[in-house]
Amino acid sequence: MHALFPATVPWAVLPIFVYTFGVALVMPVLSVAAQSLLPTMRGLAASVQNFVQMLIFALLSGFVAPALFDSALHLAAGLVVGVTLSVGFAWAFVASQGSAPQPCPVPD
C-alpha cells in the first residue's frame, strides 16, 4: 500500500503495534516451552536462548537493516523474506522431528 500511497500515521504504525503485541504475548510461552525440554538445566537453556536471540538480532541490525533502509518497500520486502524463512525453518524442524519433542525426564 505504501508503494502507491504516502504513509499516514495510524496506518503506518498500526502493523508495528500488532506485531509487537503479538510477540509480547507469545514470547513467554515459547521461552517456557523451550526451557521445559531441559528441566534440570533451565538456567542454561534460558541463557543460551537469550544469547542466540541477541546474536541474531545484532547480526540483522548490523548487516540486513542498513542494506534495506533505503525505502519502505525494501523494508517490507525484507520482512516478507524473513517471515518466509521463519515459516520454512519451522516447517522443516517439525517435519524432521516426526513428532513433538519430548522433555527430558527429571531424575528423582
PDB file of N, CA and C in Angstrom:
ATOM      1  N   MET A   1       0.820  -1.184   0.000  1.00  0.00           N
ATOM      2  CA  MET A   1       0.000   0.000   0.000  1.00  0.00           C
ATOM      3  C   MET A   1       0.866   1.252   0.000  1.00  0.00           C
ATOM      4  N   HIS A   2       1.985   1.243   0.730  1.00  0.00           N
ATOM      5  CA  HIS A   2       2.822   2.433   0.822  1.00  0.00           C
ATOM      6  C   HIS A   2       3.663   2.648  -0.437  1.00  0.00           C
ATOM      7  N   ALA A   3       3.743   1.642  -1.291  1.00  0.00           N
ATOM      8  CA  ALA A   3       4.428   1.846  -2.554  1.00  0.00           C
ATOM      9  C   ALA A   3       3.604   2.730  -3.478  1.00  0.00           C
ATOM     10  N   LEU A   4       2.290   2.750  -3.273  1.00  0.00           N
ATOM     11  CA  LEU A   4       1.402   3.536  -4.127  1.00  0.00           C
ATOM     12  C   LEU A   4       0.906   4.810  -3.468  1.00  0.00           C
ATOM     13  N   PHE A   5       0.804   4.807  -2.140  1.00  0.00           N
ATOM     14  CA  PHE A   5       0.263   5.944  -1.403  1.00  0.00           C
ATOM     15  C   PHE A   5       1.243   6.370  -0.312  1.00  0.00           C
ATOM     16  N   PRO A   6       1.224   7.641   0.055  1.00  0.00           N
ATOM     17  CA  PRO A   6       2.115   8.069   1.153  1.00  0.00           C
ATOM     18  C   PRO A   6       1.668   7.468   2.483  1.00  0.00           C
ATOM     19  N   ALA A   7       2.639   7.232   3.353  1.00  0.00           N
ATOM     20  CA  ALA A   7       2.338   6.661   4.667  1.00  0.00           C
ATOM     21  C   ALA A   7       1.682   7.713   5.552  1.00  0.00           C
ATOM     22  N   THR A   8       0.615   7.328   6.220  1.00  0.00           N
ATOM     23  CA  THR A   8      -0.028   8.205   7.190  1.00  0.00           C
ATOM     24  C   THR A   8       0.117   7.568   8.565  1.00  0.00           C
ATOM     25  N   VAL A   9       0.022   8.383   9.598  1.00  0.00           N
ATOM     26  CA  VAL A   9       0.380   7.951  10.940  1.00  0.00           C
ATOM     27  C   VAL A   9      -0.397   6.728  11.443  1.00  0.00           C
ATOM     28  N   PRO A  10      -1.691   6.680  11.458  1.00  0.00           N
ATOM     29  CA  PRO A  10      -2.287   5.495  12.089  1.00  0.00           C
ATOM     30  C   PRO A  10      -2.027   4.204  11.321  1.00  0.00           C
ATOM     31  N   TRP A  11      -2.030   4.261  10.005  1.00  0.00           N
ATOM     32  CA  TRP A  11      -1.876   3.034   9.227  1.00  0.00           C
ATOM     33  C   TRP A  11      -0.423   2.594   9.120  1.00  0.00           C
ATOM     34  N   ALA A  12       0.503   3.496   9.262  1.00  0.00           N
ATOM     35  CA  ALA A  12       1.915   3.117   9.216  1.00  0.00           C
ATOM     36  C   ALA A  12       2.387   2.531  10.542  1.00  0.00           C
ATOM     37  N   VAL A  13       1.755   2.913  11.646  1.00  0.00           N
ATOM     38  CA  VAL A  13       2.182   2.478  12.970  1.00  0.00           C
ATOM     39  C   VAL A  13       1.386   1.273  13.462  1.00  0.00           C
ATOM     40  N   LEU A  14       0.181   1.097  12.997  1.00  0.00           N
ATOM     41  CA  LEU A  14      -0.676   0.016  13.468  1.00  0.00           C
ATOM     42  C   LEU A  14      -0.073  -1.375  13.270  1.00  0.00           C
ATOM     43  N   PRO A  15       0.524  -1.711  12.121  1.00  0.00           N
ATOM     44  CA  PRO A  15       1.124  -3.046  11.982  1.00  0.00           C
ATOM     45  C   PRO A  15       2.258  -3.295  12.978  1.00  0.00           C
ATOM     46  N   ILE A  16       3.018  -2.262  13.295  1.00  0.00           N
ATOM     47  CA  ILE A  16       4.102  -2.419  14.275  1.00  0.00           C
ATOM     48  C   ILE A  16       3.524  -2.720  15.646  1.00  0.00           C
ATOM     49  N   PHE A  17       2.445  -2.036  16.011  1.00  0.00           N
ATOM     50  CA  PHE A  17       1.787  -2.298  17.289  1.00  0.00           C
ATOM     51  C   PHE A  17       1.265  -3.727  17.353  1.00  0.00           C
ATOM     52  N   VAL A  18       0.602  -4.182  16.293  1.00  0.00           N
ATOM     53  CA  VAL A  18       0.038  -5.534  16.278  1.00  0.00           C
ATOM     54  C   VAL A  18       1.147  -6.573  16.387  1.00  0.00           C
ATOM     55  N   TYR A  19       2.240  -6.374  15.661  1.00  0.00           N
ATOM     56  CA  TYR A  19       3.361  -7.318  15.697  1.00  0.00           C
ATOM     57  C   TYR A  19       3.991  -7.381  17.084  1.00  0.00           C
ATOM     58  N   THR A  20       4.310  -6.231  17.653  1.00  0.00           N
ATOM     59  CA  THR A  20       4.968  -6.233  18.963  1.00  0.00           C
ATOM     60  C   THR A  20       4.046  -6.746  20.057  1.00  0.00           C
ATOM     61  N   PHE A  21       2.763  -6.471  19.957  1.00  0.00           N
ATOM     62  CA  PHE A  21       1.810  -7.003  20.931  1.00  0.00           C
ATOM     63  C   PHE A  21       1.753  -8.520  20.838  1.00  0.00           C
ATOM     64  N   GLY A  22       1.732  -9.049  19.630  1.00  0.00           N
ATOM     65  CA  GLY A  22       1.728 -10.498  19.446  1.00  0.00           C
ATOM     66  C   GLY A  22       2.999 -11.150  19.955  1.00  0.00           C
ATOM     67  N   VAL A  23       4.133 -10.551  19.683  1.00  0.00           N
ATOM     68  CA  VAL A  23       5.401 -11.090  20.177  1.00  0.00           C
ATOM     69  C   VAL A  23       5.435 -11.050  21.698  1.00  0.00           C
ATOM     70  N   ALA A  24       4.936  -9.974  22.294  1.00  0.00           N
ATOM     71  CA  ALA A  24       4.911  -9.873  23.751  1.00  0.00           C
ATOM     72  C   ALA A  24       4.020 -10.943  24.374  1.00  0.00           C
ATOM     73  N   LEU A  25       2.950 -11.322  23.699  1.00  0.00           N
ATOM     74  CA  LEU A  25       2.079 -12.383  24.215  1.00  0.00           C
ATOM     75  C   LEU A  25       2.692 -13.768  24.050  1.00  0.00           C
ATOM     76  N   VAL A  26       3.395 -14.005  22.961  1.00  0.00           N
ATOM     77  CA  VAL A  26       3.883 -15.343  22.632  1.00  0.00           C
ATOM     78  C   VAL A  26       5.246 -15.655  23.259  1.00  0.00           C
ATOM     79  N   MET A  27       6.102 -14.673  23.416  1.00  0.00           N
ATOM     80  CA  MET A  27       7.480 -14.942  23.843  1.00  0.00           C
ATOM     81  C   MET A  27       7.582 -15.653  25.192  1.00  0.00           C
ATOM     82  N   PRO A  28       6.841 -15.286  26.231  1.00  0.00           N
ATOM     83  CA  PRO A  28       6.959 -16.050  27.478  1.00  0.00           C
ATOM     84  C   PRO A  28       6.555 -17.517  27.332  1.00  0.00           C
ATOM     85  N   VAL A  29       5.525 -17.777  26.554  1.00  0.00           N
ATOM     86  CA  VAL A  29       5.082 -19.159  26.345  1.00  0.00           C
ATOM     87  C   VAL A  29       6.147 -19.956  25.600  1.00  0.00           C
ATOM     88  N   LEU A  30       6.738 -19.356  24.569  1.00  0.00           N
ATOM     89  CA  LEU A  30       7.783 -20.042  23.818  1.00  0.00           C
ATOM     90  C   LEU A  30       9.026 -20.280  24.670  1.00  0.00           C
ATOM     91  N   SER A  31       9.372 -19.326  25.512  1.00  0.00           N
ATOM     92  CA  SER A  31      10.535 -19.491  26.387  1.00  0.00           C
ATOM     93  C   SER A  31      10.323 -20.641  27.363  1.00  0.00           C
ATOM     94  N   VAL A  32       9.164 -20.707  27.985  1.00  0.00           N
ATOM     95  CA  VAL A  32       8.883 -21.794  28.928  1.00  0.00           C
ATOM     96  C   VAL A  32       8.853 -23.136  28.207  1.00  0.00           C
ATOM     97  N   ALA A  33       8.279 -23.178  27.011  1.00  0.00           N
ATOM     98  CA  ALA A  33       8.231 -24.425  26.247  1.00  0.00           C
ATOM     99  C   ALA A  33       9.636 -24.901  25.878  1.00  0.00           C
ATOM    100  N   ALA A  34      10.502 -23.978  25.469  1.00  0.00           N
ATOM    101  CA  ALA A  34      11.868 -24.360  25.124  1.00  0.00           C
ATOM    102  C   ALA A  34      12.648 -24.802  26.357  1.00  0.00           C
ATOM    103  N   GLN A  35      12.440 -24.137  27.473  1.00  0.00           N
ATOM    104  CA  GLN A  35      13.162 -24.489  28.688  1.00  0.00           C
ATOM    105  C   GLN A  35      12.648 -25.783  29.301  1.00  0.00           C
ATOM    106  N   SER A  36      11.412 -26.158  29.025  1.00  0.00           N
ATOM    107  CA  SER A  36      10.881 -27.403  29.584  1.00  0.00           C
ATOM    108  C   SER A  36      11.496 -28.633  28.938  1.00  0.00           C
ATOM    109  N   LEU A  37      12.175 -28.461  27.804  1.00  0.00           N
ATOM    110  CA  LEU A  37      12.860 -29.590  27.185  1.00  0.00           C
ATOM    111  C   LEU A  37      14.067 -30.023  28.007  1.00  0.00           C
ATOM    112  N   LEU A  38      14.627 -29.127  28.797  1.00  0.00           N
ATOM    113  CA  LEU A  38      15.761 -29.424  29.679  1.00  0.00           C
ATOM    114  C   LEU A  38      15.419 -28.983  31.095  1.00  0.00           C
ATOM    115  N   PRO A  39      14.565 -29.711  31.802  1.00  0.00           N
ATOM    116  CA  PRO A  39      14.081 -29.224  33.087  1.00  0.00           C
ATOM    117  C   PRO A  39      15.159 -29.121  34.166  1.00  0.00           C
ATOM    118  N   THR A  40      16.214 -29.918  34.066  1.00  0.00           N
ATOM    119  CA  THR A  40      17.259 -29.839  35.088  1.00  0.00           C
ATOM    120  C   THR A  40      18.258 -28.727  34.808  1.00  0.00           C
ATOM    121  N   MET A  41      18.207 -28.161  33.609  1.00  0.00           N
ATOM    122  CA  MET A  41      19.148 -27.097  33.238  1.00  0.00           C
ATOM    123  C   MET A  41      18.409 -25.901  32.661  1.00  0.00           C
ATOM    124  N   ARG A  42      17.367 -25.449  33.337  1.00  0.00           N
ATOM    125  CA  ARG A  42      16.560 -24.323  32.836  1.00  0.00           C
ATOM    126  C   ARG A  42      17.377 -23.041  32.726  1.00  0.00           C
ATOM    127  N   GLY A  43      18.258 -22.798  33.674  1.00  0.00           N
ATOM    128  CA  GLY A  43      19.082 -21.590  33.626  1.00  0.00           C
ATOM    129  C   GLY A  43      19.994 -21.580  32.414  1.00  0.00           C
ATOM    130  N   LEU A  44      20.613 -22.722  32.134  1.00  0.00           N
ATOM    131  CA  LEU A  44      21.470 -22.831  30.953  1.00  0.00           C
ATOM    132  C   LEU A  44      20.651 -22.643  29.682  1.00  0.00           C
ATOM    133  N   ALA A  45      19.485 -23.281  29.632  1.00  0.00           N
ATOM    134  CA  ALA A  45      18.631 -23.153  28.443  1.00  0.00           C
ATOM    135  C   ALA A  45      18.200 -21.704  28.236  1.00  0.00           C
ATOM    136  N   ALA A  46      17.858 -21.011  29.322  1.00  0.00           N
ATOM    137  CA  ALA A  46      17.446 -19.608  29.206  1.00  0.00           C
ATOM    138  C   ALA A  46      18.610 -18.746  28.744  1.00  0.00           C
ATOM    139  N   SER A  47      19.799 -18.998  29.265  1.00  0.00           N
ATOM    140  CA  SER A  47      20.971 -18.206  28.868  1.00  0.00           C
ATOM    141  C   SER A  47      21.317 -18.414  27.401  1.00  0.00           C
ATOM    142  N   VAL A  48      21.313 -19.660  26.961  1.00  0.00           N
ATOM    143  CA  VAL A  48      21.627 -19.944  25.552  1.00  0.00           C
ATOM    144  C   VAL A  48      20.556 -19.364  24.643  1.00  0.00           C
ATOM    145  N   GLN A  49      19.302 -19.484  25.044  1.00  0.00           N
ATOM    146  CA  GLN A  49      18.210 -18.935  24.241  1.00  0.00           C
ATOM    147  C   GLN A  49      18.356 -17.422  24.095  1.00  0.00           C
ATOM    148  N   ASN A  50      18.639 -16.735  25.184  1.00  0.00           N
ATOM    149  CA  ASN A  50      18.803 -15.277  25.114  1.00  0.00           C
ATOM    150  C   ASN A  50      20.043 -14.888  24.320  1.00  0.00           C
ATOM    151  N   PHE A  51      21.142 -15.652  24.451  1.00  0.00           N
ATOM    152  CA  PHE A  51      22.350 -15.356  23.691  1.00  0.00           C
ATOM    153  C   PHE A  51      22.100 -15.490  22.189  1.00  0.00           C
ATOM    154  N   VAL A  52      21.463 -16.577  21.798  1.00  0.00           N
ATOM    155  CA  VAL A  52      21.196 -16.788  20.367  1.00  0.00           C
ATOM    156  C   VAL A  52      20.245 -15.720  19.838  1.00  0.00           C
ATOM    157  N   GLN A  53      19.235 -15.370  20.622  1.00  0.00           N
ATOM    158  CA  GLN A  53      18.282 -14.339  20.205  1.00  0.00           C
ATOM    159  C   GLN A  53      18.995 -12.997  20.019  1.00  0.00           C
ATOM    160  N   MET A  54      19.846 -12.628  20.962  1.00  0.00           N
ATOM    161  CA  MET A  54      20.569 -11.348  20.849  1.00  0.00           C
ATOM    162  C   MET A  54      21.584 -11.371  19.707  1.00  0.00           C
ATOM    163  N   LEU A  55      22.233 -12.518  19.474  1.00  0.00           N
ATOM    164  CA  LEU A  55      23.197 -12.632  18.385  1.00  0.00           C
ATOM    165  C   LEU A  55      22.507 -12.448  17.036  1.00  0.00           C
ATOM    166  N   ILE A  56      21.378 -13.124  16.848  1.00  0.00           N
ATOM    167  CA  ILE A  56      20.641 -12.987  15.587  1.00  0.00           C
ATOM    168  C   ILE A  56      20.156 -11.554  15.410  1.00  0.00           C
ATOM    169  N   PHE A  57      19.643 -10.947  16.487  1.00  0.00           N
ATOM    170  CA  PHE A  57      19.180  -9.564  16.410  1.00  0.00           C
ATOM    171  C   PHE A  57      20.323  -8.615  16.059  1.00  0.00           C
ATOM    172  N   ALA A  58      21.494  -8.816  16.660  1.00  0.00           N
ATOM    173  CA  ALA A  58      22.644  -7.949  16.375  1.00  0.00           C
ATOM    174  C   ALA A  58      23.099  -8.098  14.926  1.00  0.00           C
ATOM    175  N   LEU A  59      23.141  -9.332  14.430  1.00  0.00           N
ATOM    176  CA  LEU A  59      23.553  -9.530  13.037  1.00  0.00           C
ATOM    177  C   LEU A  59      22.554  -8.906  12.067  1.00  0.00           C
ATOM    178  N   LEU A  60      21.267  -9.094  12.335  1.00  0.00           N
ATOM    179  CA  LEU A  60      20.267  -8.485  11.466  1.00  0.00           C
ATOM    180  C   LEU A  60      20.308  -6.965  11.538  1.00  0.00           C
ATOM    181  N   SER A  61      20.482  -6.426  12.732  1.00  0.00           N
ATOM    182  CA  SER A  61      20.532  -4.970  12.885  1.00  0.00           C
ATOM    183  C   SER A  61      21.789  -4.379  12.259  1.00  0.00           C
ATOM    184  N   GLY A  62      22.876  -5.111  12.305  1.00  0.00           N
ATOM    185  CA  GLY A  62      24.141  -4.585  11.784  1.00  0.00           C
ATOM    186  C   GLY A  62      24.312  -4.728  10.295  1.00  0.00           C
ATOM    187  N   PHE A  63      23.747  -5.788   9.717  1.00  0.00           N
ATOM    188  CA  PHE A  63      24.010  -6.052   8.305  1.00  0.00           C
ATOM    189  C   PHE A  63      22.772  -5.959   7.414  1.00  0.00           C
ATOM    190  N   VAL A  64      21.674  -6.532   7.837  1.00  0.00           N
ATOM    191  CA  VAL A  64      20.493  -6.593   6.969  1.00  0.00           C
ATOM    192  C   VAL A  64      19.732  -5.270   6.973  1.00  0.00           C
ATOM    193  N   ALA A  65      19.488  -4.717   8.151  1.00  0.00           N
ATOM    194  CA  ALA A  65      18.698  -3.479   8.226  1.00  0.00           C
ATOM    195  C   ALA A  65      19.339  -2.317   7.448  1.00  0.00           C
ATOM    196  N   PRO A  66      20.650  -2.075   7.574  1.00  0.00           N
ATOM    197  CA  PRO A  66      21.220  -0.979   6.771  1.00  0.00           C
ATOM    198  C   PRO A  66      21.114  -1.217   5.264  1.00  0.00           C
ATOM    199  N   ALA A  67      21.140  -2.471   4.844  1.00  0.00           N
ATOM    200  CA  ALA A  67      21.034  -2.758   3.414  1.00  0.00           C
ATOM    201  C   ALA A  67      19.619  -2.508   2.893  1.00  0.00           C
ATOM    202  N   LEU A  68      18.620  -2.617   3.778  1.00  0.00           N
ATOM    203  CA  LEU A  68      17.231  -2.444   3.357  1.00  0.00           C
ATOM    204  C   LEU A  68      16.659  -1.078   3.706  1.00  0.00           C
ATOM    205  N   PHE A  69      17.441  -0.228   4.328  1.00  0.00           N
ATOM    206  CA  PHE A  69      16.931   1.012   4.883  1.00  0.00           C
ATOM    207  C   PHE A  69      16.655   2.091   3.837  1.00  0.00           C
ATOM    208  N   ASP A  70      16.900   1.818   2.573  1.00  0.00           N
ATOM    209  CA  ASP A  70      16.717   2.828   1.529  1.00  0.00           C
ATOM    210  C   ASP A  70      15.264   3.264   1.370  1.00  0.00           C
ATOM    211  N   SER A  71      14.345   2.310   1.450  1.00  0.00           N
ATOM    212  CA  SER A  71      12.937   2.667   1.252  1.00  0.00           C
ATOM    213  C   SER A  71      12.043   1.722   2.061  1.00  0.00           C
ATOM    214  N   ALA A  72      10.829   2.144   2.246  1.00  0.00           N
ATOM    215  CA  ALA A  72       9.856   1.315   2.958  1.00  0.00           C
ATOM    216  C   ALA A  72       9.535   0.052   2.164  1.00  0.00           C
ATOM    217  N   LEU A  73       9.595   0.138   0.843  1.00  0.00           N
ATOM    218  CA  LEU A  73       9.334  -1.043   0.019  1.00  0.00           C
ATOM    219  C   LEU A  73      10.418  -2.091   0.231  1.00  0.00           C
ATOM    220  N   HIS A  74      11.676  -1.663   0.347  1.00  0.00           N
ATOM    221  CA  HIS A  74      12.762  -2.611   0.626  1.00  0.00           C
ATOM    222  C   HIS A  74      12.593  -3.242   2.006  1.00  0.00           C
ATOM    223  N   LEU A  75      12.197  -2.443   2.991  1.00  0.00           N
ATOM    224  CA  LEU A  75      11.966  -2.973   4.332  1.00  0.00           C
ATOM    225  C   LEU A  75      10.825  -3.992   4.333  1.00  0.00           C
ATOM    226  N   ALA A  76       9.754  -3.689   3.606  1.00  0.00           N
ATOM    227  CA  ALA A  76       8.626  -4.620   3.524  1.00  0.00           C
ATOM    228  C   ALA A  76       9.033  -5.913   2.826  1.00  0.00           C
ATOM    229  N   ALA A  77       9.820  -5.795   1.767  1.00  0.00           N
ATOM    230  CA  ALA A  77      10.295  -6.997   1.073  1.00  0.00           C
ATOM    231  C   ALA A  77      11.197  -7.818   1.982  1.00  0.00           C
ATOM    232  N   GLY A  78      12.038  -7.154   2.761  1.00  0.00           N
ATOM    233  CA  GLY A  78      12.879  -7.865   3.720  1.00  0.00           C
ATOM    234  C   GLY A  78      12.064  -8.571   4.786  1.00  0.00           C
ATOM    235  N   LEU A  79      10.988  -7.943   5.222  1.00  0.00           N
ATOM    236  CA  LEU A  79      10.101  -8.564   6.202  1.00  0.00           C
ATOM    237  C   LEU A  79       9.434  -9.804   5.622  1.00  0.00           C
ATOM    238  N   VAL A  80       8.988  -9.721   4.379  1.00  0.00           N
ATOM    239  CA  VAL A  80       8.366 -10.889   3.731  1.00  0.00           C
ATOM    240  C   VAL A  80       9.373 -12.025   3.614  1.00  0.00           C
ATOM    241  N   VAL A  81      10.606 -11.707   3.251  1.00  0.00           N
ATOM    242  CA  VAL A  81      11.638 -12.742   3.159  1.00  0.00           C
ATOM    243  C   VAL A  81      11.902 -13.346   4.537  1.00  0.00           C
ATOM    244  N   GLY A  82      11.985 -12.514   5.573  1.00  0.00           N
ATOM    245  CA  GLY A  82      12.225 -13.012   6.922  1.00  0.00           C
ATOM    246  C   GLY A  82      11.112 -13.910   7.426  1.00  0.00           C
ATOM    247  N   VAL A  83       9.874 -13.527   7.194  1.00  0.00           N
ATOM    248  CA  VAL A  83       8.737 -14.347   7.620  1.00  0.00           C
ATOM    249  C   VAL A  83       8.716 -15.664   6.845  1.00  0.00           C
ATOM    250  N   THR A  84       8.987 -15.597   5.554  1.00  0.00           N
ATOM    251  CA  THR A  84       9.017 -16.815   4.738  1.00  0.00           C
ATOM    252  C   THR A  84      10.111 -17.762   5.226  1.00  0.00           C
ATOM    253  N   LEU A  85      11.290 -17.237   5.516  1.00  0.00           N
ATOM    254  CA  LEU A  85      12.369 -18.074   6.046  1.00  0.00           C
ATOM    255  C   LEU A  85      11.997 -18.670   7.405  1.00  0.00           C
ATOM    256  N   SER A  86      11.385 -17.878   8.254  1.00  0.00           N
ATOM    257  CA  SER A  86      10.991 -18.370   9.581  1.00  0.00           C
ATOM    258  C   SER A  86       9.980 -19.502   9.474  1.00  0.00           C
ATOM    259  N   VAL A  87       8.982 -19.332   8.645  1.00  0.00           N
ATOM    260  CA  VAL A  87       7.978 -20.385   8.468  1.00  0.00           C
ATOM    261  C   VAL A  87       8.621 -21.621   7.839  1.00  0.00           C
ATOM    262  N   GLY A  88       9.512 -21.406   6.887  1.00  0.00           N
ATOM    263  CA  GLY A  88      10.196 -22.542   6.258  1.00  0.00           C
ATOM    264  C   GLY A  88      11.058 -23.316   7.235  1.00  0.00           C
ATOM    265  N   PHE A  89      11.823 -22.610   8.077  1.00  0.00           N
ATOM    266  CA  PHE A  89      12.642 -23.288   9.078  1.00  0.00           C
ATOM    267  C   PHE A  89      11.781 -24.003  10.105  1.00  0.00           C
ATOM    268  N   ALA A  90      10.686 -23.386  10.534  1.00  0.00           N
ATOM    269  CA  ALA A  90       9.790 -24.042  11.493  1.00  0.00           C
ATOM    270  C   ALA A  90       9.171 -25.293  10.876  1.00  0.00           C
ATOM    271  N   TRP A  91       8.748 -25.205   9.633  1.00  0.00           N
ATOM    272  CA  TRP A  91       8.165 -26.363   8.964  1.00  0.00           C
ATOM    273  C   TRP A  91       9.199 -27.477   8.820  1.00  0.00           C
ATOM    274  N   ALA A  92      10.435 -27.134   8.437  1.00  0.00           N
ATOM    275  CA  ALA A  92      11.489 -28.141   8.287  1.00  0.00           C
ATOM    276  C   ALA A  92      11.818 -28.788   9.630  1.00  0.00           C
ATOM    277  N   PHE A  93      11.823 -27.999  10.699  1.00  0.00           N
ATOM    278  CA  PHE A  93      12.109 -28.549  12.019  1.00  0.00           C
ATOM    279  C   PHE A  93      11.019 -29.518  12.459  1.00  0.00           C
ATOM    280  N   VAL A  94       9.772 -29.126  12.301  1.00  0.00           N
ATOM    281  CA  VAL A  94       8.663 -30.000  12.701  1.00  0.00           C
ATOM    282  C   VAL A  94       8.651 -31.261  11.845  1.00  0.00           C
ATOM    283  N   ALA A  95       8.927 -31.132  10.558  1.00  0.00           N
ATOM    284  CA  ALA A  95       8.937 -32.295   9.674  1.00  0.00           C
ATOM    285  C   ALA A  95      10.085 -33.242  10.020  1.00  0.00           C
ATOM    286  N   SER A  96      11.207 -32.705  10.478  1.00  0.00           N
ATOM    287  CA  SER A  96      12.347 -33.558  10.815  1.00  0.00           C
ATOM    288  C   SER A  96      12.164 -34.275  12.144  1.00  0.00           C
ATOM    289  N   GLN A  97      11.300 -33.763  13.013  1.00  0.00           N
ATOM    290  CA  GLN A  97      11.104 -34.369  14.328  1.00  0.00           C
ATOM    291  C   GLN A  97      10.220 -35.605  14.273  1.00  0.00           C
ATOM    292  N   GLY A  98       9.290 -35.661  13.372  1.00  0.00           N
ATOM    293  CA  GLY A  98       8.384 -36.784  13.302  1.00  0.00           C
ATOM    294  C   GLY A  98       7.258 -36.674  14.314  1.00  0.00           C
ATOM    295  N   SER A  99       7.554 -36.150  15.470  1.00  0.00           N
ATOM    296  CA  SER A  99       6.547 -35.904  16.500  1.00  0.00           C
ATOM    297  C   SER A  99       7.036 -34.736  17.340  1.00  0.00           C
ATOM    298  N   ALA A 100       6.204 -34.292  18.239  1.00  0.00           N
ATOM    299  CA  ALA A 100       6.589 -33.170  19.091  1.00  0.00           C
ATOM    300  C   ALA A 100       7.746 -33.586  19.987  1.00  0.00           C
ATOM    301  N   PRO A 101       8.732 -32.694  20.206  1.00  0.00           N
ATOM    302  CA  PRO A 101       9.842 -33.048  21.081  1.00  0.00           C
ATOM    303  C   PRO A 101       9.352 -33.301  22.501  1.00  0.00           C
ATOM    304  N   GLN A 102       9.901 -34.331  23.114  1.00  0.00           N
ATOM    305  CA  GLN A 102       9.521 -34.696  24.471  1.00  0.00           C
ATOM    306  C   GLN A 102      10.537 -34.141  25.462  1.00  0.00           C
ATOM    307  N   PRO A 103      10.087 -33.667  26.619  1.00  0.00           N
ATOM    308  CA  PRO A 103      11.036 -33.159  27.607  1.00  0.00           C
ATOM    309  C   PRO A 103      11.893 -34.289  28.179  1.00  0.00           C
ATOM    310  N   CYS A 104      13.090 -33.924  28.621  1.00  0.00           N
ATOM    311  CA  CYS A 104      13.966 -34.882  29.274  1.00  0.00           C
ATOM    312  C   CYS A 104      13.359 -35.283  30.612  1.00  0.00           C
ATOM    313  N   PRO A 105      13.488 -36.551  30.989  1.00  0.00           N
ATOM    314  CA  PRO A 105      12.942 -36.946  32.286  1.00  0.00           C
ATOM    315  C   PRO A 105      13.745 -36.332  33.428  1.00  0.00           C
ATOM    316  N   VAL A 106      13.041 -35.952  34.462  1.00  0.00           N
ATOM    317  CA  VAL A 106      13.679 -35.374  35.642  1.00  0.00           C
ATOM    318  C   VAL A 106      14.029 -36.504  36.599  1.00  0.00           C
ATOM    319  N   PRO A 107      15.319 -36.625  36.981  1.00  0.00           N
ATOM    320  CA  PRO A 107      15.667 -37.687  37.925  1.00  0.00           C
ATOM    321  C   PRO A 107      15.073 -37.406  39.298  1.00  0.00           C
ATOM    322  N   ASP A 108      14.740 -38.480  40.010  1.00  0.00           N
ATOM    323  CA  ASP A 108      14.148 -38.325  41.341  1.00  0.00           C
ATOM    324  C   ASP A 108      15.141 -37.957  42.358  1.00  0.00           C
TER     325      ASP A 108
END
